C-alpha cells in the first residue's frame, strides 16, 4: 500500500471510529462498517490503530493530549511510519471533541456510554467498568450505558457472553431487539440475528421479557443455568430448551452450535466468521431446520457438504457462495 493510500485508509478509519460512537448510530451504520472492514484486512488493522490511539488520548488531560499529537505529527525519520496515523489522529481528535462533549453531557446526567464492536472472524474479550467480563463474538456490536440506577447493554447484532458482577442497587439489563434480559447473579450468552434472539444461561438465573408484548407486558420468563430461551419475532413467542455450558459458549472455541434453527439464522451467523459470504438465493430454503456443529475453521467444507443434507445446490458467483433450491432446477 502506498503512503497516500495508507493515509487515506487511516482517515477513513478515524471517520468510522467517530461515526460508530454517535449517539443515534443504528444497525445500518454497524453493517456498513463491517462491510468496509471486510473489504481489506488492512482496513480493520487501521481501525484498531486509530482506536488504540483514541483510547490513549481519552485518558489524557488537554495539555498532554496536545503534546502527544504534536509528537506524532513531527516529521522525523524515526517516525515516518506514524505519519498516516498522525493524519488520522488529527481527524479523530477533532471528532473526539464532539464525542467528549456527548460523553460530558451524559456524565452530567449520571450516564456514561461506550460502543464495542468486532470485525468478521474476530472475537474480543474485555472488562466493563464494574468488573463484568464480556466475550464478544465476531462481527458483533454492543452499546453499553452505565447510569446511577441501572447498567444497560444493547446487543445491536451478533453475540456476546456476559459474566456479570451482581449489584442489587444497579441491575444489569441486556436488550436485544424486543427482548430484555435482567441479571439475577449470573453468566449468560445472548445472540441476536436480526430480531431473532437466543439467550443461553450457564450460571445462575435471568429474567427474560418481550418488551413489545401486547398482553401482560410485565410478565417475565425466568431461565436457569442449563436452559436456552429462543425468541421468534414472527410469533412473538419464547420457547425453552436445554443446553450445556459447552454448547452455549462453543463459539469461543471456534465452533458454532445450532439446535433446530432455521437455515437463514445458521447462514447469518456463519457469515460473521466466513472469509467468503454465503448468500441464500431462494427464500424457501430459509425455513429448513438445522441441528449440528460448524467449525469456523472449516466453513467451506461444511457448505460443500450441504447438498447431502438439504435439497440445494452450491455455486460461486461474484466472490460469494450462493445456495439455490435444487428442486427448482428439477422442475
Protein backbone atom coordinates (compact mmCIF):
# COMPACT_ATOMS: atom_id res chain seq x y z
CA UNK A 1 0.00 0.00 0.00
CA UNK A 2 1.41 3.41 -0.93
CA UNK A 3 1.76 6.17 1.67
CA UNK A 4 -1.08 8.07 0.01
CA UNK A 5 -3.38 5.03 0.16
CA UNK A 6 -2.37 4.31 3.75
CA UNK A 7 -3.03 7.91 4.72
CA UNK A 8 -6.49 7.74 3.15
CA UNK A 9 -7.26 4.43 4.88
CA UNK A 10 -6.31 5.91 8.26
CA UNK A 11 -8.53 8.92 7.66
CA UNK A 12 -11.49 6.71 6.75
CA UNK A 13 -10.80 4.54 9.81
CA UNK A 14 -10.89 7.66 12.00
CA UNK A 15 -14.19 8.69 10.45
CA UNK A 16 -15.67 5.26 11.17
CA UNK A 17 -14.32 5.41 14.73
CA UNK A 18 -16.28 8.60 15.35
CA UNK A 19 -19.38 7.57 13.40
CA UNK A 20 -19.82 4.37 15.43
CA UNK A 21 -19.83 6.44 18.62
CA UNK A 22 -22.53 8.86 17.53
CA UNK A 23 -25.50 8.68 19.94
CA UNK A 24 -28.00 7.71 17.23
CA UNK A 25 -25.83 5.34 15.18
CA UNK A 26 -28.07 2.46 14.14
CA UNK A 27 -27.62 -1.10 12.93
CA UNK A 28 -27.20 0.14 9.35
CA UNK A 29 -24.06 2.04 10.39
CA UNK A 30 -22.61 -1.08 12.03
CA UNK A 31 -23.37 -3.15 8.91
CA UNK A 32 -21.70 -0.56 6.66
CA UNK A 33 -18.65 -0.51 8.96
CA UNK A 34 -18.44 -4.31 8.92
CA UNK A 35 -18.65 -4.27 5.12
CA UNK A 36 -15.77 -1.76 4.98
CA UNK A 37 -13.57 -3.84 7.32
CA UNK A 38 -14.32 -6.93 5.22
CA UNK A 39 -13.08 -5.31 2.01
CA UNK A 40 -9.44 -5.43 3.08
CA UNK A 41 -7.75 -6.81 6.22
CA UNK A 42 -5.73 -3.57 6.36
CA UNK A 43 -8.95 -1.65 6.97
CA UNK A 44 -9.51 -3.42 10.29
CA UNK A 45 -5.82 -3.00 11.19
CA UNK A 46 -6.09 0.74 10.55
CA UNK A 47 -9.29 0.94 12.60
CA UNK A 48 -7.63 -0.84 15.53
CA UNK A 49 -4.66 1.55 15.37
CA UNK A 50 -6.94 4.59 15.41
CA UNK A 51 -9.00 3.06 18.26
CA UNK A 52 -5.86 2.41 20.33
CA UNK A 53 -4.63 5.97 19.85
CA UNK A 54 -8.07 7.46 20.54
CA UNK A 55 -8.39 5.44 23.76
CA UNK A 56 -4.97 6.67 24.86
CA UNK A 57 -5.90 10.25 24.03
CA UNK A 58 -9.11 9.87 26.00
CA UNK A 59 -7.19 9.23 29.22
CA UNK A 60 -5.04 12.37 28.93
CA UNK A 61 -5.62 15.93 30.02
CA UNK A 62 -5.86 18.55 27.21
CA UNK A 63 -2.22 19.64 27.51
CA UNK A 64 -0.85 16.09 27.41
CA UNK A 65 -3.18 15.22 24.55
CA UNK A 66 -1.93 18.16 22.52
CA UNK A 67 1.71 17.23 23.24
CA UNK A 68 1.11 13.63 22.16
CA UNK A 69 -0.46 14.69 18.87
CA UNK A 70 2.34 17.18 18.23
CA UNK A 71 4.85 14.39 18.86
CA UNK A 72 3.06 12.02 16.48
CA UNK A 73 2.89 14.67 13.79
CA UNK A 74 6.56 15.71 13.98
CA UNK A 75 8.13 14.52 10.66
CA UNK A 76 11.34 12.92 11.91
CA UNK A 77 12.86 9.89 10.12
CA UNK A 78 12.26 7.73 13.18
CA UNK A 79 8.54 8.45 12.98
CA UNK A 80 7.91 8.20 9.25
CA UNK A 81 5.76 5.12 9.74
CA UNK A 82 3.49 7.08 12.11
CA UNK A 83 2.65 9.83 9.63
CA UNK A 84 -0.53 8.18 8.27
CA UNK A 85 -1.67 7.54 11.83
CA UNK A 86 -0.86 11.13 12.78
CA UNK A 87 -3.03 12.39 9.93
CA UNK A 88 -5.85 10.14 11.10
CA UNK A 89 -5.24 11.18 14.70
CA UNK A 90 -5.85 14.81 13.88
CA UNK A 91 -9.21 13.85 12.37
CA UNK A 92 -10.03 11.52 15.25
CA UNK A 93 -9.25 14.19 17.83
CA UNK A 94 -11.36 16.75 16.05
CA UNK A 95 -14.23 14.26 16.08
CA UNK A 96 -13.24 13.15 19.56
CA UNK A 97 -14.08 16.63 20.81
CA UNK A 98 -17.66 16.03 19.72
CA UNK A 99 -17.66 12.62 21.36
CA UNK A 100 -16.22 14.09 24.57
CA UNK A 101 -18.99 16.69 24.52
CA UNK A 102 -21.65 14.00 24.23
CA UNK A 103 -19.92 11.94 26.95
CA UNK A 104 -19.71 15.03 29.16
CA UNK A 105 -23.42 15.73 28.69
CA UNK A 106 -24.17 12.10 29.55
CA UNK A 107 -21.96 12.17 32.62
CA UNK A 108 -23.71 15.33 33.75
CA UNK A 109 -26.90 13.26 33.84
CA UNK A 110 -25.15 10.38 35.62
CA UNK A 111 -24.73 8.29 32.45
CA UNK A 112 -21.65 7.07 30.57
CA UNK A 113 -21.93 5.32 27.18
CA UNK A 114 -19.48 3.27 25.13
CA UNK A 115 -19.69 1.22 21.92
CA UNK A 116 -17.78 -2.03 21.49
CA UNK A 117 -17.52 -3.86 18.18
CA UNK A 118 -15.59 -6.65 16.49
CA UNK A 119 -14.70 -7.50 12.91
CA UNK A 120 -15.51 -10.55 10.82
CA UNK A 121 -13.85 -13.68 12.29
CA UNK A 122 -12.59 -11.59 15.23
CA UNK A 123 -13.65 -12.42 18.81
CA UNK A 124 -12.86 -9.91 21.56
CA UNK A 125 -12.66 -10.13 25.36
CA UNK A 126 -12.90 -7.08 27.60
CA UNK A 127 -13.98 -6.00 31.08
CA UNK A 128 -16.63 -3.36 31.75
CA UNK A 129 -16.10 -0.62 34.38
CA UNK A 130 -17.93 -2.61 37.09
CA UNK A 131 -15.76 -5.69 36.52
CA UNK A 132 -18.28 -7.57 34.39
CA UNK A 133 -16.46 -9.76 31.85
CA UNK A 134 -17.65 -9.75 28.24
CA UNK A 135 -16.66 -12.06 25.39
CA UNK A 136 -17.80 -10.50 22.11
CA UNK A 137 -18.29 -12.75 19.11
CA UNK A 138 -17.22 -11.94 15.57
CA UNK A 139 -18.93 -9.13 13.61
CA UNK A 140 -20.83 -8.08 16.74
CA UNK A 141 -21.66 -4.75 18.35
CA UNK A 142 -22.66 -3.62 21.85
CA UNK A 143 -23.70 -0.25 23.22
CA UNK A 144 -23.05 -0.02 26.96
CA UNK A 145 -24.69 2.70 29.07
CA UNK A 146 -23.96 2.79 32.79
CA UNK A 147 -26.17 5.04 34.89
CA UNK A 148 -26.51 5.58 38.62
CA UNK A 149 -29.60 3.32 38.82
CA UNK A 150 -29.09 0.74 36.08
CA UNK A 151 -26.44 -0.82 33.82
CA UNK A 152 -27.82 -1.12 30.30
CA UNK A 153 -26.28 -3.09 27.45
CA UNK A 154 -27.76 -3.22 23.96
CA UNK A 155 -26.78 -6.10 21.70
CA UNK A 156 -27.07 -4.41 18.34
CA UNK A 157 -26.07 -7.51 16.40
CA UNK A 158 -24.05 -10.71 16.76
CA UNK A 159 -23.28 -12.49 20.02
CA UNK A 160 -21.87 -11.81 23.46
CA UNK A 161 -21.24 -13.80 26.63
CA UNK A 162 -21.53 -11.98 29.97
CA UNK A 163 -20.11 -12.90 33.37
CA UNK A 164 -21.93 -10.31 35.43
CA UNK A 165 -20.78 -8.72 38.67
CA UNK A 166 -24.04 -8.63 40.61
CA UNK A 167 -25.17 -5.34 42.13
CA UNK A 168 -28.65 -5.13 43.69
CA UNK A 169 -28.58 -1.34 43.55
CA UNK A 170 -27.81 -1.25 39.82
CA UNK A 171 -29.46 -4.09 37.87
CA UNK A 172 -27.63 -5.36 34.78
CA UNK A 173 -30.08 -5.34 31.85
CA UNK A 174 -29.33 -6.54 28.32
CA UNK A 175 -31.60 -5.51 25.44
CA UNK A 176 -31.59 -7.38 22.12
CA UNK A 177 -34.35 -6.28 19.76
CA UNK A 178 -37.66 -6.86 21.54
CA UNK A 179 -36.09 -8.94 24.30
CA UNK A 180 -34.78 -7.75 27.66
CA UNK A 181 -32.61 -9.93 29.89
CA UNK A 182 -32.26 -8.96 33.55
CA UNK A 183 -29.39 -10.47 35.52
CA UNK A 184 -30.11 -12.27 38.77
CA UNK A 185 -26.47 -13.07 39.62
CA UNK A 186 -25.45 -14.93 36.55
CA UNK A 187 -23.45 -15.73 33.41
CA UNK A 188 -25.26 -15.98 30.11
CA UNK A 189 -24.91 -15.77 26.34
CA UNK A 190 -27.04 -13.56 24.06
CA UNK A 191 -27.16 -14.00 20.31
CA UNK A 192 -29.11 -11.62 18.09
CA UNK A 193 -29.79 -12.46 14.44
CA UNK A 194 -31.95 -9.66 13.09
CA UNK A 195 -34.87 -9.63 15.52
CA UNK A 196 -34.48 -13.31 16.44
CA UNK A 197 -32.79 -13.74 19.84
CA UNK A 198 -31.46 -16.67 21.84
CA UNK A 199 -30.38 -16.47 25.48
CA UNK A 200 -28.42 -19.36 26.99
CA UNK A 201 -27.79 -19.37 30.75
CA UNK A 202 -24.64 -21.06 32.04
CA UNK A 203 -24.76 -19.91 35.68
CA UNK A 204 -27.44 -18.51 37.97
CA UNK A 205 -30.71 -17.10 36.64
CA UNK A 206 -32.04 -14.40 34.33
CA UNK A 207 -35.45 -12.82 33.87
CA UNK A 208 -36.42 -12.53 30.20
CA UNK A 209 -39.27 -10.43 28.83
CA UNK A 210 -40.72 -9.35 25.50
CA UNK A 211 -40.69 -5.54 25.65
CA UNK A 212 -43.35 -5.22 22.95
CA UNK A 213 -45.76 -7.89 24.15
CA UNK A 214 -49.32 -6.59 23.81
CA UNK A 215 -50.74 -8.69 26.63
CA UNK A 216 -49.24 -8.78 30.10
CA UNK A 217 -46.15 -6.73 29.11
CA UNK A 218 -44.75 -7.08 32.62
CA UNK A 219 -44.77 -10.89 32.63
CA UNK A 220 -41.30 -12.41 32.55
CA UNK A 221 -39.85 -15.84 31.95
CA UNK A 222 -37.18 -16.94 34.39
CA UNK A 223 -34.43 -19.07 32.90
CA UNK A 224 -31.91 -21.04 34.94
CA UNK A 225 -28.49 -22.48 34.24
CA UNK A 226 -28.69 -25.14 31.53
CA UNK A 227 -31.66 -23.54 29.78
CA UNK A 228 -31.83 -21.73 26.45
CA UNK A 229 -34.65 -19.33 25.55
CA UNK A 230 -35.36 -18.66 21.88
CA UNK A 231 -37.43 -15.67 20.82
CA UNK A 232 -39.30 -15.89 17.49
CA UNK A 233 -40.23 -12.37 16.31
CA UNK A 234 -42.82 -13.66 13.82
CA UNK A 235 -44.83 -15.37 16.54
CA UNK A 236 -43.73 -13.03 19.36
CA UNK A 237 -43.17 -16.17 21.41
CA UNK A 238 -40.42 -17.67 23.54
CA UNK A 239 -39.54 -21.34 23.76
CA UNK A 240 -37.29 -23.03 26.31
CA UNK A 241 -35.00 -26.00 25.78
CA UNK A 242 -31.94 -27.50 27.46
CA UNK A 243 -28.34 -26.67 26.61
CA UNK A 244 -24.96 -27.44 28.15
CA UNK A 245 -22.48 -24.68 29.08
CA UNK A 246 -20.13 -26.08 26.42
CA UNK A 247 -22.83 -25.70 23.75
CA UNK A 248 -23.76 -22.20 24.91
CA UNK A 249 -20.22 -20.90 24.54
CA UNK A 250 -18.96 -23.19 21.78
CA UNK A 251 -18.26 -20.20 19.53
CA UNK A 252 -15.45 -19.22 21.91
CA UNK A 253 -13.75 -22.50 20.93
CA UNK A 254 -14.27 -21.99 17.17
CA UNK A 255 -17.50 -23.98 16.97
CA UNK A 256 -20.96 -22.73 16.08
CA UNK A 257 -23.68 -24.87 17.69
CA UNK A 258 -27.26 -24.86 16.38
CA UNK A 259 -30.27 -26.71 17.75
CA UNK A 260 -33.29 -26.94 15.42
CA UNK A 261 -32.75 -23.46 13.96
CA UNK A 262 -33.80 -22.03 10.55
CA UNK A 263 -31.15 -22.19 7.83
CA UNK A 264 -31.44 -18.39 7.47
CA UNK A 265 -30.26 -17.98 11.08
CA UNK A 266 -27.47 -20.51 10.60
CA UNK A 267 -26.16 -18.76 7.47
CA UNK A 268 -26.39 -15.28 9.04
CA UNK A 269 -24.25 -16.38 11.99
CA UNK A 270 -21.88 -18.38 9.81
CA UNK A 271 -21.26 -15.22 7.76
CA UNK A 272 -19.87 -13.50 10.85
CA UNK A 273 -16.90 -15.87 10.55
CA UNK A 274 -16.75 -16.66 6.82
CA UNK A 275 -13.98 -15.31 4.61
CA UNK A 276 -16.36 -15.56 1.65
CA UNK A 277 -20.01 -14.60 2.36
CA UNK A 278 -22.76 -17.17 1.82
CA UNK A 279 -26.00 -16.00 0.19
CA UNK A 280 -29.32 -17.88 0.10
CA UNK A 281 -30.79 -17.21 -3.34
CA UNK A 282 -34.15 -18.95 -2.82
CA UNK A 283 -36.09 -17.81 0.24
CA UNK A 284 -37.92 -21.14 0.60
CA UNK A 285 -34.61 -22.61 1.80
CA UNK A 286 -34.54 -20.26 4.78
CA UNK A 287 -37.16 -22.22 6.70
CA UNK A 288 -35.24 -25.50 6.55
CA UNK A 289 -34.24 -26.56 10.06
CA UNK A 290 -30.67 -27.40 11.03
CA UNK A 291 -29.14 -29.02 14.10
CA UNK A 292 -25.41 -29.52 14.30
CA UNK A 293 -21.94 -28.04 14.69
CA UNK A 294 -19.96 -25.87 12.27
CA UNK A 295 -16.26 -25.34 12.83
CA UNK A 296 -15.33 -21.77 11.99
CA UNK A 297 -12.04 -23.00 10.50
CA UNK A 298 -13.87 -25.45 8.19
CA UNK A 299 -16.78 -23.39 6.88
CA UNK A 300 -16.01 -24.15 3.23
CA UNK A 301 -16.14 -27.89 3.87
CA UNK A 302 -19.46 -27.58 5.69
CA UNK A 303 -21.01 -25.58 2.85
CA UNK A 304 -19.78 -28.05 0.23
CA UNK A 305 -21.47 -30.89 2.15
CA UNK A 306 -24.85 -29.13 2.39
CA UNK A 307 -26.35 -30.83 -0.73
CA UNK A 308 -26.01 -34.13 1.13
CA UNK A 309 -28.37 -32.83 3.82
CA UNK A 310 -30.66 -30.33 2.07
CA UNK A 311 -32.20 -30.15 -1.43
CA UNK A 312 -29.94 -27.33 -2.59
CA UNK A 313 -27.09 -26.53 -4.95
CA UNK A 314 -23.87 -24.69 -4.05
CA UNK A 315 -22.19 -22.37 -6.54
CA UNK A 316 -19.79 -19.44 -6.50
CA UNK A 317 -20.83 -16.14 -8.06
CA UNK A 318 -19.21 -12.70 -7.87
CA UNK A 319 -16.98 -13.60 -4.93
CA UNK A 320 -19.71 -15.15 -2.79
CA UNK A 321 -21.11 -18.62 -2.23
CA UNK A 322 -24.71 -18.98 -3.43
CA UNK A 323 -27.21 -21.56 -2.18
CA UNK A 324 -30.10 -22.25 -4.57
CA UNK A 325 -33.03 -24.66 -4.39
CA UNK A 326 -32.21 -27.84 -6.35
CA UNK A 327 -35.93 -28.62 -6.63
CA UNK A 328 -36.42 -25.58 -8.86
CA UNK A 329 -33.85 -26.93 -11.29
CA UNK A 330 -35.59 -30.32 -11.41
CA UNK A 331 -38.93 -28.76 -12.25
